[in-house]
Amino acid sequence: MDKFENRNGRNDGKFSLPTVTFIMPSHNRKNQLERALKALAVQNYPSELLDMVLVLDGCSDGSAQMVEAMKPALPYRITLIERAQGGPAAARNTAVRAATGEIILFIDDDIVATPQLVTEHIRLHLEDDQAVVLAPMATPNDHVRPIWVQWEEYALELKYRDMENGRYEPTARQFFTGNCSLRRRWFLATGEFDEELKRAEDVEFAFRLEQKCKVHFYFNPSAIGYHYAYRTFESWKRAQYLYGRYDVIMDREKGHTWISKVILEEFLQRDIIVRMLVPLFVNYNWVKGVMGYVFLFGAHVLKFMGFKRLAFKSLSCFSNILYWQGLNEEMINGRNTKPTEPALMEVKS
């Protein structure tokens, strides 16, 4: 385990392997958390170089007691921090402050790591000191989930496929804290996650990381973690809407003024159906309610008939409408009304 080949396939001898701290926030998901901790116990990376900072963010489901009972059997050390609920950004900031590893590896409590996950992250860090490693949150075969979650998985898998095939290079916009890693010193040099943001705080951080530290983003399809995702339809709808609002906030208040150009370019690349529907519905709030269930019903019917890709297209159209509603409302009313997020730790579920 102390030998790695570089990207050209040459073995340059023995490397000094870095220490790694897992950064994991959790909120009232005891069963998922237990499964995630067990998966990390069978990594094929030296266990003496691994530890975890686990932040229980307002947990009231017995997670702390469960973790304490598991500690003696785990091969890595866990620093357990309990705090009042403040959301994912605050929880991860708390964890990084307490971390000691040279590499910090962000992983969510609903991710089940494959045994080679850490090794595959570290392989790229050994080759490039300024590497930021992005890794897949893959779809497990033994997980039943609703169609809107299946759509999210499908959309994410398309991004992974495009990066793996070289259609586009990994960037800050693919920095998702469910499964990614970087050297702790780059995190500290950049500053922390912006705790005012309840959505896309990871991507906003990555924008600053790239600007300040000139890091290099890599996608490693072999550093697989299986994502046991779940969210309600209401939570899914709100997520799409809030992504639009927070993109405007990042442009207007956080200094990322280039985002508006990227948003327009991406919209013009959407298919013609999306480009027709968004202007028609963007100003109608009732779309979030009744119309959402029309799109959902249509998706279920199409999937039942065997047209799965068309079913996902239905949800893609609705997602784009919600996103542009959020963007539009933030541009018009945003300075007077701040976005609210009732389920803080559901951001990456």
Protein backbone atom coordinates (compact mmCIF):
# COMPACT_ATOMS: atom_id res chain seq x y z
CA MET A 1 0.00 0.00 0.00
CA ASP A 2 2.99 2.36 0.13
CA LYS A 3 3.67 2.08 -3.60
CA PHE A 4 1.82 4.06 -6.23
CA GLU A 5 2.25 4.49 -9.94
CA ASN A 6 2.22 7.97 -11.39
CA ARG A 7 -0.14 9.03 -14.16
CA ASN A 8 2.35 7.81 -16.79
CA GLY A 9 2.27 4.30 -15.35
CA ARG A 10 5.79 4.48 -13.87
CA ASN A 11 6.45 3.36 -10.33
CA ASP A 12 8.75 5.95 -8.76
CA GLY A 13 9.39 3.94 -5.62
CA LYS A 14 8.05 4.41 -2.14
CA PHE A 15 6.11 7.49 -1.23
CA SER A 16 5.57 8.89 2.23
CA LEU A 17 1.84 8.50 2.56
CA PRO A 18 -0.11 11.46 3.97
CA THR A 19 -2.46 11.40 6.93
CA VAL A 20 -6.13 11.73 6.03
CA THR A 21 -9.00 13.16 8.09
CA PHE A 22 -12.55 12.32 7.05
CA ILE A 23 -14.85 15.34 7.41
CA MET A 24 -18.42 14.21 8.02
CA PRO A 25 -21.48 16.18 9.20
CA SER A 26 -24.65 14.36 10.23
CA HIS A 27 -28.15 15.28 11.32
CA ASN A 28 -30.55 12.64 12.65
CA ARG A 29 -29.60 9.86 10.24
CA LYS A 30 -28.33 7.28 12.69
CA ASN A 31 -28.84 4.20 10.51
CA GLN A 32 -27.20 5.75 7.46
CA LEU A 33 -24.37 7.06 9.62
CA GLU A 34 -23.67 3.61 11.06
CA ARG A 35 -23.46 2.14 7.56
CA ALA A 36 -21.10 4.90 6.42
CA LEU A 37 -18.76 4.43 9.39
CA LYS A 38 -18.57 0.67 8.83
CA ALA A 39 -17.69 1.14 5.15
CA LEU A 40 -14.79 3.42 6.05
CA ALA A 41 -13.48 0.74 8.42
CA VAL A 42 -12.43 -1.53 5.54
CA GLN A 43 -10.35 0.89 3.47
CA ASN A 44 -7.22 -0.57 1.87
CA TYR A 45 -5.22 2.42 3.12
CA PRO A 46 -3.16 2.18 6.33
CA SER A 47 -5.64 2.69 9.16
CA GLU A 48 -3.04 4.39 11.37
CA LEU A 49 -3.02 7.25 8.85
CA LEU A 50 -6.80 7.73 9.00
CA ASP A 51 -9.03 9.58 11.41
CA MET A 52 -12.41 11.29 11.32
CA VAL A 53 -13.96 14.44 12.68
CA LEU A 54 -17.68 13.73 12.93
CA VAL A 55 -19.96 16.67 13.69
CA LEU A 56 -23.44 15.81 14.92
CA ASP A 57 -25.39 18.90 13.91
CA GLY A 58 -28.37 19.11 16.26
CA CYS A 59 -28.85 15.33 16.45
CA SER A 60 -31.56 13.98 18.75
CA ASP A 61 -31.88 10.40 17.45
CA GLY A 62 -29.23 8.65 19.51
CA SER A 63 -26.45 9.06 16.95
CA ALA A 64 -23.93 10.07 19.60
CA GLN A 65 -24.56 6.98 21.71
CA MET A 66 -24.33 4.77 18.64
CA VAL A 67 -20.99 6.28 17.60
CA GLU A 68 -19.54 5.95 21.10
CA ALA A 69 -20.50 2.26 21.10
CA MET A 70 -18.85 1.74 17.70
CA LYS A 71 -15.58 3.53 18.46
CA PRO A 72 -13.66 0.62 20.05
CA ALA A 73 -14.22 -1.60 17.01
CA LEU A 74 -13.25 0.96 14.36
CA PRO A 75 -9.66 0.98 13.06
CA TYR A 76 -9.60 4.78 12.74
CA ARG A 77 -9.95 7.39 15.48
CA ILE A 78 -13.14 9.47 15.65
CA THR A 79 -13.29 12.94 17.15
CA LEU A 80 -16.97 13.42 17.93
CA ILE A 81 -18.33 16.96 18.15
CA GLU A 82 -21.93 17.72 19.08
CA ARG A 83 -23.35 21.17 18.35
CA ALA A 84 -26.62 23.01 17.89
CA GLN A 85 -27.97 22.72 14.37
CA GLY A 86 -26.35 25.24 12.08
CA GLY A 87 -26.34 23.54 8.69
CA PRO A 88 -23.76 21.73 6.55
CA ALA A 89 -21.39 24.67 6.01
CA ALA A 90 -21.09 25.41 9.73
CA ALA A 91 -20.74 21.71 10.57
CA ARG A 92 -17.97 21.17 8.03
CA ASN A 93 -16.14 24.32 9.13
CA THR A 94 -16.23 23.04 12.71
CA ALA A 95 -14.84 19.69 11.57
CA VAL A 96 -12.00 21.15 9.52
CA ARG A 97 -10.88 23.32 12.44
CA ALA A 98 -10.50 20.16 14.52
CA ALA A 99 -8.86 18.12 11.74
CA THR A 100 -5.20 17.11 11.91
CA GLY A 101 -4.74 15.23 8.63
CA GLU A 102 -2.66 16.59 5.79
CA ILE A 103 -5.53 15.67 3.48
CA ILE A 104 -9.14 16.40 4.36
CA LEU A 105 -11.62 14.10 2.67
CA PHE A 106 -15.20 15.32 2.69
CA ILE A 107 -17.70 12.49 2.75
CA ASP A 108 -21.40 12.52 3.60
CA ASP A 109 -23.18 10.27 6.06
CA ASP A 110 -25.26 8.67 3.30
CA ILE A 111 -22.20 7.63 1.28
CA VAL A 112 -20.98 4.03 1.48
CA ALA A 113 -17.33 4.05 0.49
CA THR A 114 -15.78 1.29 -1.59
CA PRO A 115 -12.56 -0.15 -0.06
CA GLN A 116 -10.31 1.68 -2.52
CA LEU A 117 -11.90 5.12 -2.08
CA VAL A 118 -9.14 6.65 0.07
CA THR A 119 -6.32 5.07 -1.95
CA GLU A 120 -7.74 6.49 -5.17
CA HIS A 121 -8.03 9.97 -3.66
CA ILE A 122 -4.47 9.86 -2.34
CA ARG A 123 -3.04 8.60 -5.64
CA LEU A 124 -3.75 11.98 -7.24
CA HIS A 125 -2.56 13.98 -4.23
CA LEU A 126 0.81 12.21 -4.44
CA GLU A 127 1.11 13.21 -8.08
CA ASP A 128 0.06 16.83 -7.67
CA ASP A 129 0.44 18.82 -4.47
CA GLN A 130 -2.26 21.22 -5.65
CA ALA A 131 -4.79 18.54 -6.55
CA VAL A 132 -8.43 18.80 -5.61
CA VAL A 133 -9.96 15.38 -6.17
CA LEU A 134 -13.60 15.08 -7.20
CA ALA A 135 -15.07 11.60 -6.99
CA PRO A 136 -18.37 9.93 -7.88
CA MET A 137 -21.38 9.52 -5.68
CA ALA A 138 -22.59 6.45 -7.53
CA THR A 139 -26.03 4.88 -7.60
CA PRO A 140 -26.30 1.65 -5.55
CA ASN A 141 -28.23 -1.32 -6.90
CA ASP A 142 -29.96 -2.14 -3.62
CA HIS A 143 -31.62 1.21 -2.94
CA VAL A 144 -35.29 2.03 -3.60
CA ARG A 145 -35.83 5.74 -4.16
CA PRO A 146 -38.46 7.99 -5.76
CA ILE A 147 -38.27 9.08 -9.37
CA TRP A 148 -37.10 12.64 -8.61
CA VAL A 149 -34.07 11.21 -6.77
CA GLN A 150 -33.48 8.87 -9.72
CA TRP A 151 -33.48 11.95 -11.95
CA GLU A 152 -30.82 13.58 -9.76
CA GLU A 153 -28.71 10.44 -10.00
CA TYR A 154 -29.15 10.33 -13.77
CA ALA A 155 -28.15 13.99 -14.15
CA LEU A 156 -25.08 13.46 -11.98
CA GLU A 157 -24.04 10.34 -13.87
CA LEU A 158 -24.17 12.32 -17.14
CA LYS A 159 -21.75 14.86 -15.63
CA TYR A 160 -19.42 12.09 -14.49
CA ARG A 161 -19.52 10.46 -17.92
CA ASP A 162 -18.74 13.75 -19.66
CA MET A 163 -15.73 14.38 -17.40
CA GLU A 164 -14.47 10.82 -17.74
CA ASN A 165 -14.77 10.97 -21.53
CA GLY A 166 -13.04 14.35 -21.71
CA ARG A 167 -16.05 16.28 -22.96
CA TYR A 168 -15.17 18.92 -20.40
CA GLU A 169 -12.55 19.32 -17.69
CA PRO A 170 -13.46 19.14 -13.99
CA THR A 171 -13.96 22.59 -12.47
CA ALA A 172 -15.06 24.26 -9.26
CA ARG A 173 -18.66 23.77 -10.37
CA GLN A 174 -18.30 20.01 -9.77
CA PHE A 175 -16.88 20.38 -6.23
CA PHE A 176 -19.54 18.48 -4.27
CA THR A 177 -18.68 17.74 -0.65
CA GLY A 178 -20.32 14.32 -0.69
CA ASN A 179 -17.02 12.81 -1.91
CA CYS A 180 -14.01 15.06 -2.54
CA SER A 181 -10.62 15.88 -1.03
CA LEU A 182 -7.87 18.48 -0.86
CA ARG A 183 -4.89 19.38 1.30
CA ARG A 184 -5.99 21.03 4.52
CA ARG A 185 -3.59 23.92 4.02
CA TRP A 186 -5.39 24.93 0.82
CA PHE A 187 -8.69 24.96 2.70
CA LEU A 188 -7.22 27.19 5.42
CA ALA A 189 -5.59 29.50 2.88
CA THR A 190 -8.94 29.97 1.13
CA GLY A 191 -11.07 30.58 4.19
CA GLU A 192 -14.05 28.54 5.26
CA PHE A 193 -17.39 27.64 3.74
CA ASP A 194 -19.72 30.63 3.70
CA GLU A 195 -22.22 29.84 6.44
CA GLU A 196 -24.74 32.33 5.06
CA LEU A 197 -25.27 30.02 2.09
CA LYS A 198 -27.58 27.06 2.68
CA ARG A 199 -27.22 25.76 -0.88
CA ALA A 200 -24.17 25.57 -3.16
CA GLU A 201 -21.83 26.59 -0.35
CA ASP A 202 -19.38 23.93 -1.54
CA VAL A 203 -19.26 25.27 -5.09
CA GLU A 204 -18.90 28.86 -3.87
CA PHE A 205 -15.97 27.78 -1.70
CA ALA A 206 -14.38 26.04 -4.70
CA PHE A 207 -14.59 29.26 -6.73
CA ARG A 208 -12.54 31.03 -4.05
CA LEU A 209 -10.21 28.03 -3.70
CA GLU A 210 -9.37 28.13 -7.40
CA GLN A 211 -8.86 31.90 -7.41
CA LYS A 212 -6.68 32.08 -4.29
CA CYS A 213 -4.66 28.85 -4.42
CA LYS A 214 -4.51 28.05 -8.15
CA VAL A 215 -5.44 24.44 -7.45
CA HIS A 216 -6.02 21.78 -10.11
CA PHE A 217 -9.30 19.89 -10.21
CA TYR A 218 -9.27 16.19 -11.07
CA PHE A 219 -12.09 13.70 -11.44
CA ASN A 220 -11.22 10.15 -10.36
CA PRO A 221 -13.99 7.72 -11.37
CA SER A 222 -12.34 4.95 -9.33
CA ALA A 223 -12.77 6.68 -5.94
CA ILE A 224 -16.34 5.42 -5.72
CA GLY A 225 -18.79 6.05 -2.91
CA TYR A 226 -22.34 4.73 -3.23
CA HIS A 227 -24.93 7.38 -2.47
CA TYR A 228 -28.01 6.22 -0.59
CA ALA A 229 -29.90 9.41 -1.34
CA TYR A 230 -33.40 10.34 -0.30
CA ARG A 231 -35.40 13.54 -0.18
CA THR A 232 -39.09 14.36 -0.32
CA PHE A 233 -40.61 15.87 -3.45
CA GLU A 234 -41.14 19.16 -1.59
CA SER A 235 -37.47 19.21 -0.58
CA TRP A 236 -36.44 18.41 -4.15
CA LYS A 237 -38.56 21.27 -5.54
CA ARG A 238 -37.18 23.72 -3.01
CA ALA A 239 -33.62 22.70 -3.83
CA GLN A 240 -34.03 23.54 -7.53
CA TYR A 241 -35.58 26.91 -6.64
CA LEU A 242 -32.87 27.78 -4.12
CA TYR A 243 -30.05 26.94 -6.51
CA GLY A 244 -31.36 29.76 -8.70
CA ARG A 245 -31.55 32.22 -5.83
CA TYR A 246 -28.08 31.41 -4.55
CA ASP A 247 -26.50 31.74 -7.99
CA VAL A 248 -27.72 35.35 -8.02
CA ILE A 249 -26.46 35.88 -4.47
CA MET A 250 -23.03 34.55 -5.42
CA ASP A 251 -22.94 36.95 -8.37
CA ARG A 252 -24.31 39.99 -6.56
CA GLU A 253 -22.98 39.64 -3.01
CA LYS A 254 -20.04 37.23 -3.11
CA GLY A 255 -18.06 38.74 -5.96
CA HIS A 256 -18.46 35.92 -8.50
CA THR A 257 -19.69 38.26 -11.20
CA TRP A 258 -18.85 35.90 -14.06
CA ILE A 259 -21.62 33.50 -12.99
CA SER A 260 -24.34 35.40 -14.86
CA LYS A 261 -22.51 34.86 -18.15
CA VAL A 262 -22.14 31.13 -17.46
CA ILE A 263 -25.82 30.82 -16.51
CA LEU A 264 -26.88 32.39 -19.81
CA GLU A 265 -24.49 30.21 -21.82
CA GLU A 266 -25.79 27.08 -20.11
CA PHE A 267 -29.41 28.09 -20.71
CA LEU A 268 -28.76 28.59 -24.42
CA GLN A 269 -27.36 25.04 -24.54
CA ARG A 270 -30.58 23.56 -23.15
CA ASP A 271 -32.91 21.86 -25.60
CA ILE A 272 -35.65 23.86 -27.26
CA ILE A 273 -38.45 22.54 -25.02
CA VAL A 274 -36.74 23.89 -21.89
CA ARG A 275 -36.00 27.21 -23.59
CA MET A 276 -39.67 27.53 -24.53
CA LEU A 277 -41.18 26.49 -21.19
CA VAL A 278 -39.02 28.61 -18.88
CA PRO A 279 -40.19 32.02 -20.23
CA LEU A 280 -43.81 30.80 -20.19
CA PHE A 281 -43.86 29.77 -16.53
CA VAL A 282 -41.08 31.67 -14.79
CA ASN A 283 -43.39 34.35 -13.35
CA TYR A 284 -46.14 32.04 -12.06
CA ASN A 285 -45.76 30.86 -8.46
CA TRP A 286 -48.56 28.31 -8.81
CA VAL A 287 -46.17 26.25 -10.93
CA LYS A 288 -44.37 25.26 -7.72
CA GLY A 289 -47.56 23.60 -6.51
CA VAL A 290 -50.14 22.16 -8.88
CA MET A 291 -47.96 22.19 -11.98
CA GLY A 292 -45.22 20.32 -10.18
CA TYR A 293 -47.49 17.36 -9.63
CA VAL A 294 -48.51 17.46 -13.30
CA PHE A 295 -44.85 17.11 -14.29
CA LEU A 296 -44.40 14.40 -11.66
CA PHE A 297 -47.46 12.47 -12.84
CA GLY A 298 -46.23 12.72 -16.42
CA ALA A 299 -42.83 11.39 -15.39
CA HIS A 300 -44.39 8.40 -13.63
CA VAL A 301 -46.60 7.60 -16.65
CA LEU A 302 -43.69 7.85 -19.07
CA LYS A 303 -41.52 5.62 -16.92
CA PHE A 304 -44.33 3.06 -16.57
CA MET A 305 -44.67 2.99 -20.35
CA GLY A 306 -40.95 2.29 -20.70
CA PHE A 307 -39.87 5.80 -21.69
CA LYS A 308 -37.48 6.44 -18.81
CA ARG A 309 -35.41 9.08 -20.57
CA LEU A 310 -38.56 11.03 -21.47
CA ALA A 311 -39.66 10.74 -17.84
CA PHE A 312 -36.40 12.32 -16.77
CA LYS A 313 -36.84 14.97 -19.46
CA SER A 314 -40.16 15.93 -17.85
CA LEU A 315 -38.43 16.42 -14.50
CA SER A 316 -35.56 18.29 -16.17
CA CYS A 317 -38.04 20.78 -17.61
CA PHE A 318 -39.65 21.30 -14.22
CA SER A 319 -36.25 21.62 -12.53
CA ASN A 320 -35.22 24.34 -14.99
CA ILE A 321 -38.47 26.25 -14.43
CA LEU A 322 -37.97 26.17 -10.65
CA TYR A 323 -34.33 27.23 -10.98
CA TRP A 324 -35.22 30.21 -13.14
CA GLN A 325 -38.08 31.16 -10.83
CA GLY A 326 -35.60 31.29 -7.97
CA LEU A 327 -33.13 33.27 -10.04
CA ASN A 328 -35.81 35.70 -11.21
CA GLU A 329 -37.27 36.26 -7.74
CA GLU A 330 -33.84 36.83 -6.22
CA MET A 331 -33.01 39.41 -8.88
CA ILE A 332 -36.28 41.27 -8.24
CA ASN A 333 -36.84 40.89 -4.49
CA GLY A 334 -33.67 39.35 -3.14
CA ARG A 335 -32.30 42.31 -1.24
CA ASN A 336 -35.51 42.46 0.80
CA THR A 337 -36.21 38.74 1.33
CA LYS A 338 -33.51 36.24 2.22
CA PRO A 339 -33.93 32.60 1.18
CA THR A 340 -34.98 30.26 3.98
CA GLU A 341 -34.00 26.64 4.36
CA PRO A 342 -36.19 24.63 6.75
CA ALA A 343 -34.23 21.39 6.44
CA LEU A 344 -30.64 22.51 6.76
CA MET A 345 -28.93 19.15 6.68
CA GLU A 346 -30.97 17.90 3.74
CA VAL A 347 -28.91 19.97 1.35
CA LYS A 348 -26.82 17.05 0.09
CA SER A 349 -29.06 14.16 0.91
